[in-house]
Structure formats: C-alpha cells, structure tokens
Amino acid sequence: MDTLYILRLPQQMRNTLTRVRNELYQNSGDSSFCSLEACIILGPVQAEPKTGWIDSPPLPLITEGSARFSHGMLFLPIAEQSLQAIRRQLETDYPISGIYLGKSEQPLVLEPLGIKDLSLARLSWETHANLVRWRIFSETHLDSGTNRPTDSARTQVSLHDTLSGRTN
C-alpha cells in the first residue's frame, strides 16, 4: 500500500472537479478520472512519518487555467514555489505541482481556481487488477493565519497531532 501526503481541497471545489473529471471520463473512457480524488499531491510519506510543526502554504493558491500532462498525470498547475516550504518540512517531493485529475492526456481549459482553504491529510491506495482501493486519513485543517489574533501571520499545525488523528 502506497501512502502520500496530500492537500485536500474544500468540498465545493472537489464537487466541481468531480463533475469535470466525470466529463473527462465520458470523453476518454479512462477510469483514472474516477479513482482517487482531486487533490494536491505533496509526495510520499516516508517509512516513519515526520513529527513537529507544519506551516500552511500561502493562501490563496491559484491554478493555471489549462491542464498540463506530465509524468503520466493530468493536473491543474499551481506555482511550484507555493508548495516548496511544506514539502521541505515534510521531507518529501513530487514531480508535479498542482491538482491531480487523472492519468490520461486530455485537453482541458478552466477558469483559474483560487484555493483559500486546505487540509493536510494522508492518502493510501492499492491496486488489484483494475480495482483501485483508496482512503484518506489523518486530516487536519490548515489556515492562512488571517483574521486570527496571533503574533505571526503563519499558522502552524502539529504534525504529530495530524498523524495521530487529533485536530486543533
């Protein structure tokens, strides 16, 4: 079973992207548009998950309008530098920076999306023949730190609490 750190999108955005992915599936017949959920993949979880503090990426994250196909994945690109700090803190990396859509090259142009709300989570999946089983766990809401009475504009979430299933 493989496990990745992901940034989970707000429910309304996931619903919108599910409709887009369903159209891509209808046009292509590629079932990868129906497996996993649209999310930002940060990279693989190491054998021993990291503990400590994790900073939220700067919000809002803005996608480019045109989907890109690279490394066998179709995704809506997000500026790579926006995810560098969180990837460095998690000691992970991934070849794409953007919202994962599927594994088939399809033309797709959308209005740029502004992501103002994220959750850090882990996604595990396994494949048996044509069946993909997956689940999301250890989800913790991240916040940009705006409108909060803090000395710092950064919001930090205890990664130890995230991995143990506790939330703030």
C-alpha atoms as a PDB file:
ATOM      1  CA  MET A   1       0.000   0.000   0.000  1.00  0.00           C
ATOM      2  CA  ASP A   2       1.400   3.392  -1.018  1.00  0.00           C
ATOM      3  CA  THR A   3       0.820   6.482   1.116  1.00  0.00           C
ATOM      4  CA  LEU A   4       1.123  10.135   0.084  1.00  0.00           C
ATOM      5  CA  TYR A   5       0.861  13.452   1.866  1.00  0.00           C
ATOM      6  CA  ILE A   6      -1.863  15.486   0.167  1.00  0.00           C
ATOM      7  CA  LEU A   7      -3.534  18.848   0.467  1.00  0.00           C
ATOM      8  CA  ARG A   8      -7.254  18.224   0.375  1.00  0.00           C
ATOM      9  CA  LEU A   9      -9.448  20.799  -1.344  1.00  0.00           C
ATOM     10  CA  PRO A  10     -12.669  22.347   0.007  1.00  0.00           C
ATOM     11  CA  GLN A  11     -15.771  20.184  -0.550  1.00  0.00           C
ATOM     12  CA  GLN A  12     -17.394  22.549  -3.054  1.00  0.00           C
ATOM     13  CA  MET A  13     -14.231  22.603  -5.192  1.00  0.00           C
ATOM     14  CA  ARG A  14     -13.956  18.789  -5.005  1.00  0.00           C
ATOM     15  CA  ASN A  15     -17.584  18.542  -6.186  1.00  0.00           C
ATOM     16  CA  THR A  16     -16.907  20.874  -9.115  1.00  0.00           C
ATOM     17  CA  LEU A  17     -13.774  18.964 -10.105  1.00  0.00           C
ATOM     18  CA  THR A  18     -15.618  15.640  -9.807  1.00  0.00           C
ATOM     19  CA  ARG A  19     -18.079  16.872 -12.452  1.00  0.00           C
ATOM     20  CA  VAL A  20     -15.166  17.939 -14.681  1.00  0.00           C
ATOM     21  CA  ARG A  21     -13.435  14.587 -14.177  1.00  0.00           C
ATOM     22  CA  ASN A  22     -16.681  12.725 -14.973  1.00  0.00           C
ATOM     23  CA  GLU A  23     -16.805  14.565 -18.313  1.00  0.00           C
ATOM     24  CA  LEU A  24     -13.167  13.647 -18.962  1.00  0.00           C
ATOM     25  CA  TYR A  25     -14.039  10.019 -18.192  1.00  0.00           C
ATOM     26  CA  GLN A  26     -17.023  10.097 -20.558  1.00  0.00           C
ATOM     27  CA  ASN A  27     -14.839  11.534 -23.332  1.00  0.00           C
ATOM     28  CA  SER A  28     -11.868   9.218 -22.819  1.00  0.00           C
ATOM     29  CA  GLY A  29     -13.121   6.077 -21.072  1.00  0.00           C
ATOM     30  CA  ASP A  30     -10.055   6.274 -18.781  1.00  0.00           C
ATOM     31  CA  SER A  31     -11.087   5.105 -15.312  1.00  0.00           C
ATOM     32  CA  SER A  32      -8.269   7.069 -13.635  1.00  0.00           C
ATOM     33  CA  PHE A  33     -10.606  10.078 -13.775  1.00  0.00           C
ATOM     34  CA  CYS A  34     -12.902   8.181 -11.387  1.00  0.00           C
ATOM     35  CA  SER A  35     -10.272   6.878  -8.966  1.00  0.00           C
ATOM     36  CA  LEU A  36      -8.682   8.833  -6.139  1.00  0.00           C
ATOM     37  CA  GLU A  37      -9.971  12.350  -5.551  1.00  0.00           C
ATOM     38  CA  ALA A  38      -8.848  15.648  -6.982  1.00  0.00           C
ATOM     39  CA  CYS A  39      -6.174  16.859  -4.551  1.00  0.00           C
ATOM     40  CA  ILE A  40      -2.712  18.404  -4.415  1.00  0.00           C
ATOM     41  CA  ILE A  41      -0.161  15.628  -4.013  1.00  0.00           C
ATOM     42  CA  LEU A  42       2.809  16.719  -1.902  1.00  0.00           C
ATOM     43  CA  GLY A  43       4.772  13.469  -2.048  1.00  0.00           C
ATOM     44  CA  PRO A  44       5.259  10.061  -0.453  1.00  0.00           C
ATOM     45  CA  VAL A  45       5.153   9.535   3.310  1.00  0.00           C
ATOM     46  CA  GLN A  46       8.499   8.204   4.482  1.00  0.00           C
ATOM     47  CA  ALA A  47       8.688   4.924   6.420  1.00  0.00           C
ATOM     48  CA  GLU A  48       8.393   6.936   9.633  1.00  0.00           C
ATOM     49  CA  PRO A  49       6.088   9.971   9.323  1.00  0.00           C
ATOM     50  CA  LYS A  50       7.610  13.287  10.389  1.00  0.00           C
ATOM     51  CA  THR A  51       6.698  14.902  13.693  1.00  0.00           C
ATOM     52  CA  GLY A  52       6.874  18.554  14.585  1.00  0.00           C
ATOM     53  CA  TRP A  53       5.184  21.609  13.151  1.00  0.00           C
ATOM     54  CA  ILE A  54       3.975  22.223   9.619  1.00  0.00           C
ATOM     55  CA  ASP A  55       3.201  25.613   8.071  1.00  0.00           C
ATOM     56  CA  SER A  56       0.254  26.211   5.791  1.00  0.00           C
ATOM     57  CA  PRO A  57       1.230  27.161   2.239  1.00  0.00           C
ATOM     58  CA  PRO A  58       0.493  30.798   1.423  1.00  0.00           C
ATOM     59  CA  LEU A  59      -3.166  31.153   0.564  1.00  0.00           C
ATOM     60  CA  PRO A  60      -4.839  31.600  -1.807  1.00  0.00           C
ATOM     61  CA  LEU A  61      -3.182  29.127  -4.153  1.00  0.00           C
ATOM     62  CA  ILE A  62      -4.119  29.909  -7.766  1.00  0.00           C
ATOM     63  CA  THR A  63      -4.259  27.308 -10.537  1.00  0.00           C
ATOM     64  CA  GLU A  64      -3.379  27.974 -14.143  1.00  0.00           C
ATOM     65  CA  GLY A  65      -6.367  27.729 -16.484  1.00  0.00           C
ATOM     66  CA  SER A  66      -5.045  24.993 -18.776  1.00  0.00           C
ATOM     67  CA  ALA A  67      -4.441  21.458 -17.557  1.00  0.00           C
ATOM     68  CA  ARG A  68      -0.966  20.041 -18.135  1.00  0.00           C
ATOM     69  CA  PHE A  69       0.093  16.430 -18.752  1.00  0.00           C
ATOM     70  CA  SER A  70       3.453  15.456 -17.289  1.00  0.00           C
ATOM     71  CA  HIS A  71       4.939  12.349 -15.632  1.00  0.00           C
ATOM     72  CA  GLY A  72       1.887  10.358 -16.734  1.00  0.00           C
ATOM     73  CA  MET A  73      -0.567  12.649 -14.904  1.00  0.00           C
ATOM     74  CA  LEU A  74      -3.073  15.297 -15.941  1.00  0.00           C
ATOM     75  CA  PHE A  75      -3.193  18.168 -13.453  1.00  0.00           C
ATOM     76  CA  LEU A  76      -4.132  21.817 -12.990  1.00  0.00           C
ATOM     77  CA  PRO A  77      -0.781  23.527 -12.342  1.00  0.00           C
ATOM     78  CA  ILE A  78      -0.015  25.591  -9.248  1.00  0.00           C
ATOM     79  CA  ALA A  79       3.201  27.588  -8.905  1.00  0.00           C
ATOM     80  CA  GLU A  80       5.815  25.129  -7.624  1.00  0.00           C
ATOM     81  CA  GLN A  81       7.339  27.649  -5.206  1.00  0.00           C
ATOM     82  CA  SER A  82       3.992  27.794  -3.360  1.00  0.00           C
ATOM     83  CA  LEU A  83       4.455  24.185  -2.233  1.00  0.00           C
ATOM     84  CA  GLN A  84       8.230  24.130  -1.659  1.00  0.00           C
ATOM     85  CA  ALA A  85       8.176  25.043   2.043  1.00  0.00           C
ATOM     86  CA  ILE A  86       5.561  22.469   3.071  1.00  0.00           C
ATOM     87  CA  ARG A  87       7.306  19.765   1.021  1.00  0.00           C
ATOM     88  CA  ARG A  88      10.611  20.646   2.662  1.00  0.00           C
ATOM     89  CA  GLN A  89       9.028  20.434   6.135  1.00  0.00           C
ATOM     90  CA  LEU A  90       7.535  17.026   5.320  1.00  0.00           C
ATOM     91  CA  GLU A  91      10.833  15.925   3.720  1.00  0.00           C
ATOM     92  CA  THR A  92       9.052  14.824   0.575  1.00  0.00           C
ATOM     93  CA  ASP A  93       8.795  15.797  -3.074  1.00  0.00           C
ATOM     94  CA  TYR A  94       6.685  15.017  -6.120  1.00  0.00           C
ATOM     95  CA  PRO A  95       7.230  15.639  -9.841  1.00  0.00           C
ATOM     96  CA  ILE A  96       4.038  17.698 -10.313  1.00  0.00           C
ATOM     97  CA  SER A  97       2.725  20.800  -8.530  1.00  0.00           C
ATOM     98  CA  GLY A  98      -0.995  21.108  -8.978  1.00  0.00           C
ATOM     99  CA  ILE A  99      -4.383  19.460  -8.583  1.00  0.00           C
ATOM    100  CA  TYR A 100      -4.293  15.833  -9.699  1.00  0.00           C
ATOM    101  CA  LEU A 101      -7.055  14.948 -12.188  1.00  0.00           C
ATOM    102  CA  GLY A 102      -6.155  11.603 -13.789  1.00  0.00           C
ATOM    103  CA  LYS A 103      -3.649   9.638 -15.867  1.00  0.00           C
ATOM    104  CA  SER A 104      -4.733  10.324 -19.436  1.00  0.00           C
ATOM    105  CA  GLU A 105      -3.799  13.296 -21.592  1.00  0.00           C
ATOM    106  CA  GLN A 106      -6.972  15.236 -22.364  1.00  0.00           C
ATOM    107  CA  PRO A 107      -7.490  18.855 -23.414  1.00  0.00           C
ATOM    108  CA  LEU A 108      -8.957  20.897 -20.560  1.00  0.00           C
ATOM    109  CA  VAL A 109      -9.219  24.638 -20.052  1.00  0.00           C
ATOM    110  CA  LEU A 110     -10.909  26.075 -16.953  1.00  0.00           C
ATOM    111  CA  GLU A 111     -11.039  29.460 -15.312  1.00  0.00           C
ATOM    112  CA  PRO A 112      -8.171  29.706 -12.803  1.00  0.00           C
ATOM    113  CA  LEU A 113      -9.233  28.433  -9.382  1.00  0.00           C
ATOM    114  CA  GLY A 114      -8.403  30.257  -6.154  1.00  0.00           C
ATOM    115  CA  ILE A 115      -7.903  27.854  -3.260  1.00  0.00           C
ATOM    116  CA  LYS A 116      -8.442  29.607   0.075  1.00  0.00           C
ATOM    117  CA  ASP A 117      -8.985  26.576   2.294  1.00  0.00           C
ATOM    118  CA  LEU A 118      -6.906  23.402   2.622  1.00  0.00           C
ATOM    119  CA  SER A 119      -6.475  20.342   4.810  1.00  0.00           C
ATOM    120  CA  LEU A 120      -3.317  18.304   5.220  1.00  0.00           C
ATOM    121  CA  ALA A 121      -4.033  14.579   5.018  1.00  0.00           C
ATOM    122  CA  ARG A 122      -2.575  11.248   4.047  1.00  0.00           C
ATOM    123  CA  LEU A 123      -3.917   9.210   1.142  1.00  0.00           C
ATOM    124  CA  SER A 124      -3.263   5.475   0.911  1.00  0.00           C
ATOM    125  CA  TRP A 125      -4.129   3.314  -2.056  1.00  0.00           C
ATOM    126  CA  GLU A 126      -3.546  -0.106  -3.506  1.00  0.00           C
ATOM    127  CA  THR A 127      -4.311  -1.574  -6.896  1.00  0.00           C
ATOM    128  CA  HIS A 128      -5.596  -5.087  -7.621  1.00  0.00           C
ATOM    129  CA  ALA A 129      -6.013  -5.731 -11.363  1.00  0.00           C
ATOM    130  CA  ASN A 130      -8.297  -2.861 -12.464  1.00  0.00           C
ATOM    131  CA  LEU A 131      -9.585  -2.081  -8.969  1.00  0.00           C
ATOM    132  CA  VAL A 132      -8.118   0.853  -7.019  1.00  0.00           C
ATOM    133  CA  ARG A 133      -8.889   0.981  -3.305  1.00  0.00           C
ATOM    134  CA  TRP A 134      -8.036   4.192  -1.504  1.00  0.00           C
ATOM    135  CA  ARG A 135      -8.732   6.080   1.699  1.00  0.00           C
ATOM    136  CA  ILE A 136      -7.921   9.450   3.213  1.00  0.00           C
ATOM    137  CA  PHE A 137      -6.971   9.714   6.865  1.00  0.00           C
ATOM    138  CA  SER A 138      -5.204  11.909   9.444  1.00  0.00           C
ATOM    139  CA  GLU A 139      -6.818  15.031   8.007  1.00  0.00           C
ATOM    140  CA  THR A 140      -6.128  18.372   9.698  1.00  0.00           C
ATOM    141  CA  HIS A 141      -7.482  21.713   8.523  1.00  0.00           C
ATOM    142  CA  LEU A 142      -4.839  24.305   7.604  1.00  0.00           C
ATOM    143  CA  ASP A 143      -5.461  28.018   7.874  1.00  0.00           C
ATOM    144  CA  SER A 144      -3.741  31.001   6.295  1.00  0.00           C
ATOM    145  CA  GLY A 145      -3.460  32.762   9.648  1.00  0.00           C
ATOM    146  CA  THR A 146      -5.506  35.778   8.540  1.00  0.00           C
ATOM    147  CA  ASN A 147      -8.139  37.169  10.916  1.00  0.00           C
ATOM    148  CA  ARG A 148      -6.557  35.388  13.878  1.00  0.00           C
ATOM    149  CA  PRO A 149      -5.102  37.048  16.978  1.00  0.00           C
ATOM    150  CA  THR A 150      -1.508  35.838  16.640  1.00  0.00           C
ATOM    151  CA  ASP A 151       1.903  37.483  16.677  1.00  0.00           C
ATOM    152  CA  SER A 152       2.753  35.768  13.409  1.00  0.00           C
ATOM    153  CA  ALA A 153       0.953  35.585  10.067  1.00  0.00           C
ATOM    154  CA  ARG A 154       1.897  31.900   9.886  1.00  0.00           C
ATOM    155  CA  THR A 155      -0.417  29.164  11.047  1.00  0.00           C
ATOM    156  CA  GLN A 156       1.160  26.027  12.348  1.00  0.00           C
ATOM    157  CA  VAL A 157      -0.422  22.649  12.896  1.00  0.00           C
ATOM    158  CA  SER A 158       1.207  19.960  14.951  1.00  0.00           C
ATOM    159  CA  LEU A 159       2.138  17.228  12.506  1.00  0.00           C
ATOM    160  CA  HIS A 160       2.258  14.808  15.408  1.00  0.00           C
ATOM    161  CA  ASP A 161      -1.415  15.607  16.132  1.00  0.00           C
ATOM    162  CA  THR A 162      -2.215  15.251  12.429  1.00  0.00           C
ATOM    163  CA  LEU A 163      -0.640  11.816  12.165  1.00  0.00           C
ATOM    164  CA  SER A 164      -2.254  10.601  15.367  1.00  0.00           C
ATOM    165  CA  GLY A 165      -5.687  11.723  14.150  1.00  0.00           C
ATOM    166  CA  ARG A 166      -6.122  14.627  16.593  1.00  0.00           C
ATOM    167  CA  THR A 167      -7.049  18.033  15.210  1.00  0.00           C
ATOM    168  CA  ASN A 168      -6.809  21.545  16.591  1.00  0.00           C
END
